[in-house]
Amino acid sequence: MLALNVEDFQIEGIPGWGSFVAGDGFDIQAVAPENSAFAQWRPAFSAGAVNDEERRMLLALLIDRFQLKFHVESKEGQTYLLERGKGELKLLPPQDKNAFPFVHPIAGGWVAGGIQGQNISMPQLAEYLSRRTERPVLNQTGVQGSFDFEFRNNDEQNDADITGFLITAMKAIGLELKSSKGPIETIVIDHAERPSPN
């Protein structure tokens, strides 16, 4: 998922031992080259979103140590479109243009309290929504740049419909999340082996 920038619903053919839920666990220690952009940008042991260089390095590791072979197929399926709504956009200029792009719940749960975004672009917001709705979300807003936003929810229950909550939250900040159909990039695993330890 991280190496190819896809969600679990976009991957087929994972062997049982590689299952995200019931598979084997592996500890991996990998150090980026000192001259890589990643090593210069991120402090050691810090967490956060994965950039393109990290994805390439991780994919190389999987191919080398797990003998990973795969191909990509396009399959028709359910998607969402992220569009600009009819009302006013309630997106604010980022307080810190160098802040790490992030969307997170206000109260620490899925729904209770609402959600906030910091220094987030529309493609990044679409990625976040895709993970939460378990469908590809295509950015069709035409909105450029990065923004801060906040949607506060009076519902204190965290067991509400997450997709319904996100549709409401997007509408509140001037965007629309519309159900649609379209091609879904699917990663099909052709071969993978358990790695041998060092």
C-alpha atoms as a PDB file:
ATOM      1  CA  MET A   1       0.000   0.000   0.000  1.00  0.00           C
ATOM      2  CA  LEU A   2       2.683   2.493   0.968  1.00  0.00           C
ATOM      3  CA  ALA A   3       5.129   1.591  -1.792  1.00  0.00           C
ATOM      4  CA  LEU A   4       2.566   1.891  -4.589  1.00  0.00           C
ATOM      5  CA  ASN A   5       0.385   4.597  -2.990  1.00  0.00           C
ATOM      6  CA  VAL A   6      -2.812   2.544  -3.074  1.00  0.00           C
ATOM      7  CA  GLU A   7      -5.368   1.376  -0.515  1.00  0.00           C
ATOM      8  CA  ASP A   8      -6.010  -2.214   0.569  1.00  0.00           C
ATOM      9  CA  PHE A   9      -9.129  -2.445  -1.624  1.00  0.00           C
ATOM     10  CA  GLN A  10      -6.880  -1.876  -4.655  1.00  0.00           C
ATOM     11  CA  ILE A  11      -4.690  -4.945  -4.040  1.00  0.00           C
ATOM     12  CA  GLU A  12      -5.495  -8.523  -5.074  1.00  0.00           C
ATOM     13  CA  GLY A  13      -3.638 -11.809  -4.680  1.00  0.00           C
ATOM     14  CA  ILE A  14      -1.847 -11.200  -1.388  1.00  0.00           C
ATOM     15  CA  PRO A  15      -0.790 -14.592   0.071  1.00  0.00           C
ATOM     16  CA  GLY A  16      -2.247 -15.538   3.441  1.00  0.00           C
ATOM     17  CA  TRP A  17       1.015 -14.936   5.286  1.00  0.00           C
ATOM     18  CA  GLY A  18       1.062 -11.396   3.888  1.00  0.00           C
ATOM     19  CA  SER A  19      -2.460 -10.471   4.974  1.00  0.00           C
ATOM     20  CA  PHE A  20      -2.651  -7.089   6.712  1.00  0.00           C
ATOM     21  CA  VAL A  21      -4.961  -8.504   9.404  1.00  0.00           C
ATOM     22  CA  ALA A  22      -4.057 -12.174   9.897  1.00  0.00           C
ATOM     23  CA  GLY A  23      -0.669 -12.488   8.225  1.00  0.00           C
ATOM     24  CA  ASP A  24       2.851 -12.823   9.588  1.00  0.00           C
ATOM     25  CA  GLY A  25       4.552  -9.803  11.091  1.00  0.00           C
ATOM     26  CA  PHE A  26       7.997  -8.591  10.070  1.00  0.00           C
ATOM     27  CA  ASP A  27      10.413  -6.127  11.616  1.00  0.00           C
ATOM     28  CA  ILE A  28      12.250  -4.132   8.967  1.00  0.00           C
ATOM     29  CA  GLN A  29      15.086  -1.723   9.608  1.00  0.00           C
ATOM     30  CA  ALA A  30      16.018   0.300   6.550  1.00  0.00           C
ATOM     31  CA  VAL A  31      18.244   3.364   6.397  1.00  0.00           C
ATOM     32  CA  ALA A  32      17.987   5.842   3.537  1.00  0.00           C
ATOM     33  CA  PRO A  33      21.215   6.956   1.841  1.00  0.00           C
ATOM     34  CA  GLU A  34      22.631  10.092   3.444  1.00  0.00           C
ATOM     35  CA  ASN A  35      22.437  11.975   0.136  1.00  0.00           C
ATOM     36  CA  SER A  36      18.722  11.191  -0.346  1.00  0.00           C
ATOM     37  CA  ALA A  37      16.149  13.961  -0.055  1.00  0.00           C
ATOM     38  CA  PHE A  38      14.356  11.851   2.551  1.00  0.00           C
ATOM     39  CA  ALA A  39      17.396  11.609   4.843  1.00  0.00           C
ATOM     40  CA  GLN A  40      17.979  15.350   4.615  1.00  0.00           C
ATOM     41  CA  TRP A  41      14.338  16.321   5.153  1.00  0.00           C
ATOM     42  CA  ARG A  42      13.040  14.025   7.894  1.00  0.00           C
ATOM     43  CA  PRO A  43      14.602  13.433  11.328  1.00  0.00           C
ATOM     44  CA  ALA A  44      15.380   9.839  12.276  1.00  0.00           C
ATOM     45  CA  PHE A  45      12.425   7.800  13.599  1.00  0.00           C
ATOM     46  CA  SER A  46       9.877  10.509  12.753  1.00  0.00           C
ATOM     47  CA  ALA A  47       6.441   9.508  11.494  1.00  0.00           C
ATOM     48  CA  GLY A  48       4.318  10.937   8.733  1.00  0.00           C
ATOM     49  CA  ALA A  49       3.149  10.538   5.179  1.00  0.00           C
ATOM     50  CA  VAL A  50       5.409   8.771   2.706  1.00  0.00           C
ATOM     51  CA  ASN A  51       6.932  10.806  -0.128  1.00  0.00           C
ATOM     52  CA  ASP A  52       7.713   9.607  -3.673  1.00  0.00           C
ATOM     53  CA  GLU A  53      11.369   8.886  -2.948  1.00  0.00           C
ATOM     54  CA  GLU A  54      10.446   6.755   0.068  1.00  0.00           C
ATOM     55  CA  ARG A  55       7.930   4.845  -2.028  1.00  0.00           C
ATOM     56  CA  ARG A  56      10.576   3.984  -4.615  1.00  0.00           C
ATOM     57  CA  MET A  57      13.001   2.815  -1.926  1.00  0.00           C
ATOM     58  CA  LEU A  58      10.330   0.732  -0.190  1.00  0.00           C
ATOM     59  CA  LEU A  59       9.246  -0.880  -3.470  1.00  0.00           C
ATOM     60  CA  ALA A  60      12.871  -1.764  -4.239  1.00  0.00           C
ATOM     61  CA  LEU A  61      13.123  -3.397  -0.790  1.00  0.00           C
ATOM     62  CA  LEU A  62       9.944  -5.443  -1.367  1.00  0.00           C
ATOM     63  CA  ILE A  63      11.125  -6.605  -4.782  1.00  0.00           C
ATOM     64  CA  ASP A  64      14.553  -7.546  -3.430  1.00  0.00           C
ATOM     65  CA  ARG A  65      13.682  -9.135  -0.082  1.00  0.00           C
ATOM     66  CA  PHE A  66      10.175 -10.486  -0.752  1.00  0.00           C
ATOM     67  CA  GLN A  67      10.748 -11.367  -4.438  1.00  0.00           C
ATOM     68  CA  LEU A  68       7.639  -9.328  -5.171  1.00  0.00           C
ATOM     69  CA  LYS A  69       6.212  -9.488  -8.686  1.00  0.00           C
ATOM     70  CA  PHE A  70       2.988  -7.749  -9.664  1.00  0.00           C
ATOM     71  CA  HIS A  71       1.093  -6.164 -12.510  1.00  0.00           C
ATOM     72  CA  VAL A  72      -1.460  -3.371 -12.725  1.00  0.00           C
ATOM     73  CA  GLU A  73      -5.004  -3.755 -14.036  1.00  0.00           C
ATOM     74  CA  SER A  74      -7.794  -1.227 -14.452  1.00  0.00           C
ATOM     75  CA  LYS A  75     -11.184  -2.400 -13.208  1.00  0.00           C
ATOM     76  CA  GLU A  76     -14.545  -0.654 -13.217  1.00  0.00           C
ATOM     77  CA  GLY A  77     -15.903   0.059  -9.760  1.00  0.00           C
ATOM     78  CA  GLN A  78     -17.500   2.493  -7.317  1.00  0.00           C
ATOM     79  CA  THR A  79     -15.663   5.789  -6.825  1.00  0.00           C
ATOM     80  CA  TYR A  80     -16.288   9.255  -5.406  1.00  0.00           C
ATOM     81  CA  LEU A  81     -15.742  12.622  -7.044  1.00  0.00           C
ATOM     82  CA  LEU A  82     -14.489  15.516  -4.922  1.00  0.00           C
ATOM     83  CA  GLU A  83     -15.915  18.672  -6.487  1.00  0.00           C
ATOM     84  CA  ARG A  84     -16.307  22.322  -5.619  1.00  0.00           C
ATOM     85  CA  GLY A  85     -19.726  22.937  -4.118  1.00  0.00           C
ATOM     86  CA  LYS A  86     -22.174  25.703  -4.969  1.00  0.00           C
ATOM     87  CA  GLY A  87     -21.600  27.645  -1.768  1.00  0.00           C
ATOM     88  CA  GLU A  88     -18.666  29.591  -0.363  1.00  0.00           C
ATOM     89  CA  LEU A  89     -15.373  27.785   0.062  1.00  0.00           C
ATOM     90  CA  LYS A  90     -14.452  27.749   3.736  1.00  0.00           C
ATOM     91  CA  LEU A  91     -10.789  27.022   3.168  1.00  0.00           C
ATOM     92  CA  LEU A  92      -8.264  29.296   4.870  1.00  0.00           C
ATOM     93  CA  PRO A  93      -4.680  30.074   3.886  1.00  0.00           C
ATOM     94  CA  PRO A  94      -2.387  27.819   5.928  1.00  0.00           C
ATOM     95  CA  GLN A  95      -1.115  29.340   9.147  1.00  0.00           C
ATOM     96  CA  ASP A  96       2.193  27.609   8.448  1.00  0.00           C
ATOM     97  CA  LYS A  97       3.065  26.925   4.804  1.00  0.00           C
ATOM     98  CA  ASN A  98       5.876  24.639   5.967  1.00  0.00           C
ATOM     99  CA  ALA A  99       3.648  22.566   8.267  1.00  0.00           C
ATOM    100  CA  PHE A 100       3.319  18.883   7.548  1.00  0.00           C
ATOM    101  CA  PRO A 101       0.105  18.353   5.471  1.00  0.00           C
ATOM    102  CA  PHE A 102      -2.335  16.606   7.770  1.00  0.00           C
ATOM    103  CA  VAL A 103      -6.038  15.823   8.236  1.00  0.00           C
ATOM    104  CA  HIS A 104      -7.116  14.593  11.665  1.00  0.00           C
ATOM    105  CA  PRO A 105     -10.148  14.280  13.936  1.00  0.00           C
ATOM    106  CA  ILE A 106     -10.634  17.164  16.356  1.00  0.00           C
ATOM    107  CA  ALA A 107     -11.529  14.972  19.334  1.00  0.00           C
ATOM    108  CA  GLY A 108      -9.347  11.985  18.502  1.00  0.00           C
ATOM    109  CA  GLY A 109     -12.163   9.748  17.274  1.00  0.00           C
ATOM    110  CA  TRP A 110     -13.523   9.033  13.815  1.00  0.00           C
ATOM    111  CA  VAL A 111     -16.506  11.372  13.981  1.00  0.00           C
ATOM    112  CA  ALA A 112     -16.966  12.994  17.406  1.00  0.00           C
ATOM    113  CA  GLY A 113     -15.908  16.635  17.454  1.00  0.00           C
ATOM    114  CA  GLY A 114     -15.278  16.938  13.702  1.00  0.00           C
ATOM    115  CA  ILE A 115     -12.129  17.112  11.582  1.00  0.00           C
ATOM    116  CA  GLN A 116      -9.366  19.604  10.844  1.00  0.00           C
ATOM    117  CA  GLY A 117      -6.923  20.004   8.004  1.00  0.00           C
ATOM    118  CA  GLN A 118      -3.606  21.839   8.039  1.00  0.00           C
ATOM    119  CA  ASN A 119      -1.630  22.913   4.964  1.00  0.00           C
ATOM    120  CA  ILE A 120      -3.569  20.339   2.925  1.00  0.00           C
ATOM    121  CA  SER A 121      -4.008  20.387  -0.869  1.00  0.00           C
ATOM    122  CA  MET A 122      -7.048  19.024  -2.680  1.00  0.00           C
ATOM    123  CA  PRO A 123      -5.164  15.959  -4.045  1.00  0.00           C
ATOM    124  CA  GLN A 124      -3.983  15.202  -0.495  1.00  0.00           C
ATOM    125  CA  LEU A 125      -7.514  15.653   0.837  1.00  0.00           C
ATOM    126  CA  ALA A 126      -8.799  13.256  -1.852  1.00  0.00           C
ATOM    127  CA  GLU A 127      -6.248  10.655  -0.703  1.00  0.00           C
ATOM    128  CA  TYR A 128      -7.401  11.029   2.898  1.00  0.00           C
ATOM    129  CA  LEU A 129     -11.056  10.649   1.883  1.00  0.00           C
ATOM    130  CA  SER A 130     -10.226   7.575  -0.179  1.00  0.00           C
ATOM    131  CA  ARG A 131      -8.698   5.842   2.846  1.00  0.00           C
ATOM    132  CA  ARG A 132     -11.741   6.615   4.990  1.00  0.00           C
ATOM    133  CA  THR A 133     -14.470   5.787   2.429  1.00  0.00           C
ATOM    134  CA  GLU A 134     -12.620   2.737   1.039  1.00  0.00           C
ATOM    135  CA  ARG A 135     -13.236   3.969  -2.491  1.00  0.00           C
ATOM    136  CA  PRO A 136     -11.003   5.931  -4.866  1.00  0.00           C
ATOM    137  CA  VAL A 137     -11.726   9.660  -4.577  1.00  0.00           C
ATOM    138  CA  LEU A 138     -10.920  11.695  -7.680  1.00  0.00           C
ATOM    139  CA  ASN A 139     -10.070  15.352  -7.159  1.00  0.00           C
ATOM    140  CA  GLN A 140     -12.122  17.447  -9.576  1.00  0.00           C
ATOM    141  CA  THR A 141     -12.273  20.646  -7.520  1.00  0.00           C
ATOM    142  CA  GLY A 142      -9.937  22.698  -9.685  1.00  0.00           C
ATOM    143  CA  VAL A 143      -8.792  24.347  -6.443  1.00  0.00           C
ATOM    144  CA  GLN A 144      -5.050  25.018  -6.322  1.00  0.00           C
ATOM    145  CA  GLY A 145      -2.795  25.479  -3.317  1.00  0.00           C
ATOM    146  CA  SER A 146      -2.851  24.270   0.281  1.00  0.00           C
ATOM    147  CA  PHE A 147      -5.302  25.236   3.006  1.00  0.00           C
ATOM    148  CA  ASP A 148      -6.351  24.918   6.617  1.00  0.00           C
ATOM    149  CA  PHE A 149      -9.944  23.969   7.361  1.00  0.00           C
ATOM    150  CA  GLU A 150     -12.097  22.939  10.286  1.00  0.00           C
ATOM    151  CA  PHE A 151     -15.497  21.266  10.590  1.00  0.00           C
ATOM    152  CA  ARG A 152     -16.943  20.911  14.076  1.00  0.00           C
ATOM    153  CA  ASN A 153     -19.552  18.253  14.731  1.00  0.00           C
ATOM    154  CA  ASN A 154     -21.869  18.265  17.753  1.00  0.00           C
ATOM    155  CA  ASP A 155     -22.333  14.491  17.565  1.00  0.00           C
ATOM    156  CA  GLU A 156     -20.331  12.858  20.350  1.00  0.00           C
ATOM    157  CA  GLN A 157     -20.857   9.327  18.987  1.00  0.00           C
ATOM    158  CA  ASN A 158     -17.949   7.694  17.158  1.00  0.00           C
ATOM    159  CA  ASP A 159     -19.982   4.795  15.745  1.00  0.00           C
ATOM    160  CA  ALA A 160     -21.791   6.930  13.156  1.00  0.00           C
ATOM    161  CA  ASP A 161     -21.529   6.371   9.402  1.00  0.00           C
ATOM    162  CA  ILE A 162     -18.052   7.669   8.533  1.00  0.00           C
ATOM    163  CA  THR A 163     -18.815   8.224   4.847  1.00  0.00           C
ATOM    164  CA  GLY A 164     -21.996  10.124   5.670  1.00  0.00           C
ATOM    165  CA  PHE A 165     -20.052  12.238   8.151  1.00  0.00           C
ATOM    166  CA  LEU A 166     -17.388  13.046   5.543  1.00  0.00           C
ATOM    167  CA  ILE A 167     -20.012  14.002   2.939  1.00  0.00           C
ATOM    168  CA  THR A 168     -21.504  16.410   5.496  1.00  0.00           C
ATOM    169  CA  ALA A 169     -18.083  17.763   6.477  1.00  0.00           C
ATOM    170  CA  MET A 170     -17.079  18.413   2.866  1.00  0.00           C
ATOM    171  CA  LYS A 171     -20.352  20.207   2.174  1.00  0.00           C
ATOM    172  CA  ALA A 172     -19.803  22.401   5.238  1.00  0.00           C
ATOM    173  CA  ILE A 173     -16.451  23.628   3.881  1.00  0.00           C
ATOM    174  CA  GLY A 174     -17.791  24.251   0.366  1.00  0.00           C
ATOM    175  CA  LEU A 175     -16.948  20.958  -1.341  1.00  0.00           C
ATOM    176  CA  GLU A 176     -19.021  17.998  -2.515  1.00  0.00           C
ATOM    177  CA  LEU A 177     -18.304  14.287  -2.320  1.00  0.00           C
ATOM    178  CA  LYS A 178     -20.385  12.581  -5.025  1.00  0.00           C
ATOM    179  CA  SER A 179     -20.788   8.862  -5.644  1.00  0.00           C
ATOM    180  CA  SER A 180     -19.738   7.769  -9.127  1.00  0.00           C
ATOM    181  CA  LYS A 181     -18.312   4.892 -11.169  1.00  0.00           C
ATOM    182  CA  GLY A 182     -15.008   4.692 -12.944  1.00  0.00           C
ATOM    183  CA  PRO A 183     -11.777   2.805 -13.538  1.00  0.00           C
ATOM    184  CA  ILE A 184      -9.920   1.697 -10.403  1.00  0.00           C
ATOM    185  CA  GLU A 185      -6.206   0.964 -10.574  1.00  0.00           C
ATOM    186  CA  THR A 186      -5.749  -2.511  -9.109  1.00  0.00           C
ATOM    187  CA  ILE A 187      -2.429  -4.084  -8.106  1.00  0.00           C
ATOM    188  CA  VAL A 188      -2.431  -7.840  -8.752  1.00  0.00           C
ATOM    189  CA  ILE A 189       0.253  -9.773  -6.853  1.00  0.00           C
ATOM    190  CA  ASP A 190       1.773 -12.443  -9.115  1.00  0.00           C
ATOM    191  CA  HIS A 191       4.446 -13.707  -6.704  1.00  0.00           C
ATOM    192  CA  ALA A 192       5.778 -13.016  -3.220  1.00  0.00           C
ATOM    193  CA  GLU A 193       7.963 -15.006  -0.824  1.00  0.00           C
ATOM    194  CA  ARG A 194       8.624 -14.795   2.897  1.00  0.00           C
ATOM    195  CA  PRO A 195      11.971 -13.057   3.348  1.00  0.00           C
ATOM    196  CA  SER A 196      14.909 -14.731   5.016  1.00  0.00           C
ATOM    197  CA  PRO A 197      16.305 -12.885   8.047  1.00  0.00           C
ATOM    198  CA  ASN A 198      19.652 -11.118   7.831  1.00  0.00           C
END
